Amino acid sequence: MNRDVLAKISGAAGLIVTLLIVAAIPVKTTSAASVGYGEVISVSCYKGNPGEWSFIGNITAPTPEIASQSCNSLYAECQGECSGCFPDSDITENVCYDKAGRKFLN
């Protein structure tokens, strides 16, 4: 066979082997607050400061980190000031995220 043909075949085989190896590497996914992969969470939306909160309503969110964003997007009465909270099965307090995406316990 021609050297150029052999070089192309070996190059293609190397690329295929590399792609197969990369595809076989496991990817670890983590989830916050004991929420399983692919699950939505039930979130309670509160407006104001913790301790002085006013309950606005309940929603579902695809991830804990966007609980507040989801509240503020759905409820006009939040006026961008709502935090989203949900129970964590590992602790007795609710996990909350404020409008800046900061996590805190309540």
N, C-alpha and C. Protein backbone atom coordinates (compact mmCIF):
# COMPACT_ATOMS: atom_id res chain seq x y z
N MET A 1 0.83 -1.19 0.00
CA MET A 1 0.00 0.00 0.00
C MET A 1 0.88 1.25 0.00
N ASN A 2 0.33 2.27 -0.43
CA ASN A 2 0.99 3.56 -0.48
C ASN A 2 1.19 4.09 0.94
N ARG A 3 2.32 4.73 1.20
CA ARG A 3 2.61 5.25 2.55
C ARG A 3 1.59 6.29 3.00
N ASP A 4 1.15 7.14 2.08
CA ASP A 4 0.15 8.16 2.43
C ASP A 4 -1.16 7.53 2.88
N VAL A 5 -1.57 6.47 2.21
CA VAL A 5 -2.80 5.76 2.57
C VAL A 5 -2.65 5.14 3.96
N LEU A 6 -1.50 4.51 4.22
CA LEU A 6 -1.26 3.91 5.53
C LEU A 6 -1.24 4.96 6.63
N ALA A 7 -0.67 6.09 6.36
CA ALA A 7 -0.62 7.17 7.36
C ALA A 7 -2.02 7.67 7.67
N LYS A 8 -2.86 7.80 6.64
CA LYS A 8 -4.24 8.26 6.87
C LYS A 8 -5.03 7.24 7.66
N ILE A 9 -4.84 5.96 7.35
CA ILE A 9 -5.56 4.90 8.07
C ILE A 9 -5.14 4.87 9.53
N SER A 10 -3.84 4.94 9.80
CA SER A 10 -3.38 4.89 11.19
C SER A 10 -3.80 6.14 11.95
N GLY A 11 -3.83 7.29 11.27
CA GLY A 11 -4.29 8.53 11.91
C GLY A 11 -5.76 8.46 12.27
N ALA A 12 -6.57 7.93 11.37
CA ALA A 12 -8.00 7.78 11.63
C ALA A 12 -8.25 6.78 12.75
N ALA A 13 -7.49 5.70 12.77
CA ALA A 13 -7.64 4.69 13.83
C ALA A 13 -7.27 5.29 15.18
N GLY A 14 -6.23 6.10 15.20
CA GLY A 14 -5.84 6.75 16.46
C GLY A 14 -6.91 7.70 16.97
N LEU A 15 -7.53 8.43 16.06
CA LEU A 15 -8.60 9.35 16.44
C LEU A 15 -9.79 8.59 16.99
N ILE A 16 -10.16 7.49 16.36
CA ILE A 16 -11.29 6.67 16.82
C ILE A 16 -11.00 6.11 18.21
N VAL A 17 -9.80 5.61 18.43
CA VAL A 17 -9.43 5.07 19.75
C VAL A 17 -9.50 6.17 20.80
N THR A 18 -8.99 7.35 20.48
CA THR A 18 -9.02 8.48 21.42
C THR A 18 -10.46 8.86 21.77
N LEU A 19 -11.34 8.92 20.77
CA LEU A 19 -12.74 9.25 21.02
C LEU A 19 -13.42 8.20 21.89
N LEU A 20 -13.11 6.94 21.67
CA LEU A 20 -13.70 5.88 22.48
C LEU A 20 -13.23 5.97 23.93
N ILE A 21 -11.97 6.29 24.14
CA ILE A 21 -11.44 6.43 25.50
C ILE A 21 -12.10 7.61 26.20
N VAL A 22 -12.22 8.74 25.53
CA VAL A 22 -12.85 9.92 26.12
C VAL A 22 -14.31 9.63 26.45
N ALA A 23 -15.01 8.93 25.58
CA ALA A 23 -16.42 8.61 25.81
C ALA A 23 -16.60 7.67 27.00
N ALA A 24 -15.59 6.88 27.33
CA ALA A 24 -15.70 5.92 28.42
C ALA A 24 -15.38 6.52 29.78
N ILE A 25 -14.85 7.74 29.82
CA ILE A 25 -14.51 8.37 31.09
C ILE A 25 -15.79 8.78 31.80
N PRO A 26 -15.99 8.31 33.04
CA PRO A 26 -17.21 8.69 33.75
C PRO A 26 -17.19 10.16 34.15
N VAL A 27 -18.35 10.77 34.11
CA VAL A 27 -18.49 12.16 34.51
C VAL A 27 -19.26 12.18 35.82
N LYS A 28 -18.69 12.79 36.83
CA LYS A 28 -19.35 12.87 38.12
C LYS A 28 -20.21 14.12 38.16
N THR A 29 -21.48 13.94 38.49
CA THR A 29 -22.36 15.07 38.67
C THR A 29 -22.70 15.17 40.14
N THR A 30 -22.79 16.38 40.62
CA THR A 30 -23.17 16.58 42.02
C THR A 30 -24.45 17.39 42.06
N SER A 31 -25.16 17.24 43.12
CA SER A 31 -26.38 18.01 43.28
C SER A 31 -26.40 18.61 44.67
N ALA A 32 -26.98 19.76 44.77
CA ALA A 32 -27.03 20.46 46.06
C ALA A 32 -28.24 20.00 46.85
N ALA A 33 -28.07 20.01 48.14
CA ALA A 33 -29.18 19.79 49.07
C ALA A 33 -29.93 18.49 48.82
N SER A 34 -29.22 17.43 48.53
CA SER A 34 -29.79 16.09 48.40
C SER A 34 -30.81 15.96 47.27
N VAL A 35 -30.76 16.83 46.31
CA VAL A 35 -31.66 16.73 45.17
C VAL A 35 -31.01 15.83 44.16
N GLY A 36 -31.73 14.82 43.70
CA GLY A 36 -31.18 13.87 42.75
C GLY A 36 -31.13 14.43 41.34
N TYR A 37 -30.28 13.86 40.52
CA TYR A 37 -30.12 14.30 39.14
C TYR A 37 -31.44 14.16 38.39
N GLY A 38 -31.80 15.20 37.69
CA GLY A 38 -33.00 15.16 36.89
C GLY A 38 -34.28 15.46 37.66
N GLU A 39 -34.19 15.70 38.96
CA GLU A 39 -35.37 15.99 39.75
C GLU A 39 -35.60 17.50 39.80
N VAL A 40 -36.85 17.87 39.93
CA VAL A 40 -37.17 19.26 40.20
C VAL A 40 -37.45 19.37 41.69
N ILE A 41 -37.30 20.57 42.22
CA ILE A 41 -37.54 20.76 43.65
C ILE A 41 -38.72 21.70 43.86
N SER A 42 -39.41 21.49 44.97
CA SER A 42 -40.49 22.38 45.37
C SER A 42 -39.88 23.52 46.17
N VAL A 43 -40.17 24.73 45.76
CA VAL A 43 -39.58 25.92 46.36
C VAL A 43 -40.67 26.81 46.90
N SER A 44 -40.44 27.35 48.11
CA SER A 44 -41.32 28.37 48.67
C SER A 44 -40.66 29.72 48.45
N CYS A 45 -41.43 30.66 47.95
CA CYS A 45 -40.90 31.99 47.63
C CYS A 45 -41.27 32.98 48.73
N TYR A 46 -40.27 33.71 49.21
CA TYR A 46 -40.47 34.70 50.27
C TYR A 46 -39.87 36.03 49.84
N LYS A 47 -40.57 37.10 50.15
CA LYS A 47 -40.07 38.43 49.84
C LYS A 47 -39.62 39.10 51.13
N GLY A 48 -38.52 39.82 51.03
CA GLY A 48 -38.01 40.58 52.17
C GLY A 48 -36.82 39.91 52.82
N ASN A 49 -36.49 40.36 54.03
CA ASN A 49 -35.37 39.83 54.78
C ASN A 49 -35.80 38.64 55.61
N PRO A 50 -34.89 37.66 55.82
CA PRO A 50 -35.23 36.53 56.69
C PRO A 50 -35.70 37.03 58.05
N GLY A 51 -36.73 36.41 58.56
CA GLY A 51 -37.31 36.84 59.83
C GLY A 51 -38.46 37.82 59.65
N GLU A 52 -38.44 38.56 58.56
CA GLU A 52 -39.51 39.52 58.26
C GLU A 52 -40.18 39.16 56.93
N TRP A 53 -39.99 37.92 56.52
CA TRP A 53 -40.46 37.49 55.22
C TRP A 53 -41.95 37.49 55.08
N SER A 54 -42.36 37.69 53.88
CA SER A 54 -43.75 37.54 53.53
C SER A 54 -43.83 36.45 52.46
N PHE A 55 -44.63 35.44 52.74
CA PHE A 55 -44.77 34.30 51.83
C PHE A 55 -45.48 34.76 50.57
N ILE A 56 -44.91 34.42 49.41
CA ILE A 56 -45.49 34.81 48.12
C ILE A 56 -46.19 33.63 47.46
N GLY A 57 -45.56 32.46 47.45
CA GLY A 57 -46.16 31.30 46.80
C GLY A 57 -45.17 30.17 46.65
N ASN A 58 -45.62 29.08 46.05
CA ASN A 58 -44.78 27.91 45.81
C ASN A 58 -44.60 27.69 44.32
N ILE A 59 -43.42 27.21 43.96
CA ILE A 59 -43.12 26.89 42.57
C ILE A 59 -42.28 25.61 42.54
N THR A 60 -41.96 25.14 41.35
CA THR A 60 -40.96 24.10 41.19
C THR A 60 -39.81 24.71 40.41
N ALA A 61 -38.59 24.29 40.75
CA ALA A 61 -37.39 24.80 40.08
C ALA A 61 -36.54 23.61 39.64
N PRO A 62 -35.84 23.75 38.53
CA PRO A 62 -35.02 22.64 38.04
C PRO A 62 -33.76 22.38 38.87
N THR A 63 -33.23 23.41 39.51
CA THR A 63 -32.05 23.24 40.37
C THR A 63 -32.17 24.16 41.56
N PRO A 64 -31.56 23.79 42.69
CA PRO A 64 -31.62 24.63 43.88
C PRO A 64 -31.03 26.02 43.66
N GLU A 65 -29.96 26.09 42.89
CA GLU A 65 -29.25 27.35 42.71
C GLU A 65 -30.06 28.44 42.04
N ILE A 66 -31.07 28.06 41.29
CA ILE A 66 -31.89 29.09 40.63
C ILE A 66 -33.27 29.23 41.26
N ALA A 67 -33.39 28.79 42.52
CA ALA A 67 -34.69 28.88 43.21
C ALA A 67 -35.16 30.33 43.28
N SER A 68 -34.29 31.24 43.68
CA SER A 68 -34.67 32.65 43.79
C SER A 68 -35.00 33.25 42.43
N GLN A 69 -34.18 32.95 41.44
CA GLN A 69 -34.44 33.46 40.09
C GLN A 69 -35.80 32.99 39.59
N SER A 70 -36.13 31.74 39.88
CA SER A 70 -37.42 31.19 39.45
C SER A 70 -38.57 31.91 40.13
N CYS A 71 -38.43 32.17 41.43
CA CYS A 71 -39.47 32.91 42.17
C CYS A 71 -39.67 34.30 41.57
N ASN A 72 -38.54 35.00 41.37
CA ASN A 72 -38.61 36.36 40.87
C ASN A 72 -39.13 36.44 39.44
N SER A 73 -38.92 35.40 38.66
CA SER A 73 -39.43 35.37 37.29
C SER A 73 -40.93 35.11 37.24
N LEU A 74 -41.42 34.29 38.16
CA LEU A 74 -42.82 33.89 38.12
C LEU A 74 -43.75 34.89 38.80
N TYR A 75 -43.34 35.43 39.93
CA TYR A 75 -44.21 36.30 40.73
C TYR A 75 -43.82 37.77 40.60
N ALA A 76 -44.70 38.56 40.00
CA ALA A 76 -44.44 39.99 39.83
C ALA A 76 -44.33 40.69 41.18
N GLU A 77 -45.09 40.19 42.18
CA GLU A 77 -45.07 40.83 43.49
C GLU A 77 -43.73 40.68 44.21
N CYS A 78 -42.87 39.80 43.71
CA CYS A 78 -41.52 39.69 44.28
C CYS A 78 -40.70 40.95 44.00
N GLN A 79 -40.97 41.58 42.89
CA GLN A 79 -40.24 42.79 42.48
C GLN A 79 -38.72 42.58 42.55
N GLY A 80 -38.28 41.35 42.22
CA GLY A 80 -36.86 41.04 42.22
C GLY A 80 -36.24 40.85 43.59
N GLU A 81 -37.05 40.80 44.63
CA GLU A 81 -36.55 40.74 46.01
C GLU A 81 -36.82 39.41 46.71
N CYS A 82 -37.27 38.40 46.00
CA CYS A 82 -37.61 37.13 46.65
C CYS A 82 -36.41 36.20 46.79
N SER A 83 -36.48 35.40 47.84
CA SER A 83 -35.56 34.29 48.04
C SER A 83 -36.36 33.01 47.88
N GLY A 84 -35.71 31.97 47.42
CA GLY A 84 -36.37 30.68 47.25
C GLY A 84 -35.83 29.70 48.26
N CYS A 85 -36.71 29.02 48.99
CA CYS A 85 -36.30 28.08 50.04
C CYS A 85 -36.95 26.71 49.83
N PHE A 86 -36.24 25.69 50.27
CA PHE A 86 -36.75 24.32 50.16
C PHE A 86 -36.17 23.50 51.29
N PRO A 87 -36.88 22.46 51.73
CA PRO A 87 -36.37 21.62 52.81
C PRO A 87 -35.21 20.75 52.34
N ASP A 88 -34.27 20.52 53.24
CA ASP A 88 -33.15 19.61 52.97
C ASP A 88 -33.32 18.41 53.87
N SER A 89 -33.35 17.23 53.29
CA SER A 89 -33.58 16.02 54.07
C SER A 89 -32.42 15.69 55.02
N ASP A 90 -31.26 16.30 54.82
CA ASP A 90 -30.10 16.03 55.67
C ASP A 90 -30.05 16.90 56.92
N ILE A 91 -30.77 18.01 56.93
CA ILE A 91 -30.76 18.92 58.08
C ILE A 91 -32.19 19.34 58.39
N THR A 92 -32.39 19.97 59.54
CA THR A 92 -33.74 20.37 59.94
C THR A 92 -34.12 21.76 59.46
N GLU A 93 -33.19 22.48 58.88
CA GLU A 93 -33.49 23.82 58.40
C GLU A 93 -33.75 23.80 56.89
N ASN A 94 -34.37 24.87 56.43
CA ASN A 94 -34.56 25.04 54.99
C ASN A 94 -33.30 25.63 54.39
N VAL A 95 -33.00 25.23 53.18
CA VAL A 95 -31.91 25.82 52.41
C VAL A 95 -32.53 26.89 51.53
N CYS A 96 -31.93 28.07 51.53
CA CYS A 96 -32.46 29.18 50.75
C CYS A 96 -31.38 29.76 49.85
N TYR A 97 -31.82 30.36 48.77
CA TYR A 97 -30.94 31.10 47.88
C TYR A 97 -31.53 32.49 47.71
N ASP A 98 -30.70 33.52 47.89
CA ASP A 98 -31.19 34.89 47.72
C ASP A 98 -31.08 35.31 46.26
N LYS A 99 -31.47 36.56 45.99
CA LYS A 99 -31.51 37.03 44.60
C LYS A 99 -30.13 37.08 43.95
N ALA A 100 -29.06 37.13 44.76
CA ALA A 100 -27.70 37.13 44.22
C ALA A 100 -27.15 35.71 44.04
N GLY A 101 -27.97 34.69 44.41
CA GLY A 101 -27.54 33.31 44.27
C GLY A 101 -26.75 32.79 45.46
N ARG A 102 -26.73 33.55 46.57
CA ARG A 102 -26.01 33.12 47.77
C ARG A 102 -26.88 32.16 48.57
N LYS A 103 -26.26 31.08 49.01
CA LYS A 103 -26.95 30.04 49.78
C LYS A 103 -26.91 30.39 51.27
N PHE A 104 -28.04 30.17 51.95
CA PHE A 104 -28.07 30.35 53.41
C PHE A 104 -29.12 29.42 54.00
N LEU A 105 -29.06 29.21 55.30
CA LEU A 105 -30.02 28.35 55.99
C LEU A 105 -31.03 29.20 56.71
N ASN A 106 -32.25 28.69 56.78
CA ASN A 106 -33.31 29.42 57.49
C ASN A 106 -34.11 28.42 58.31
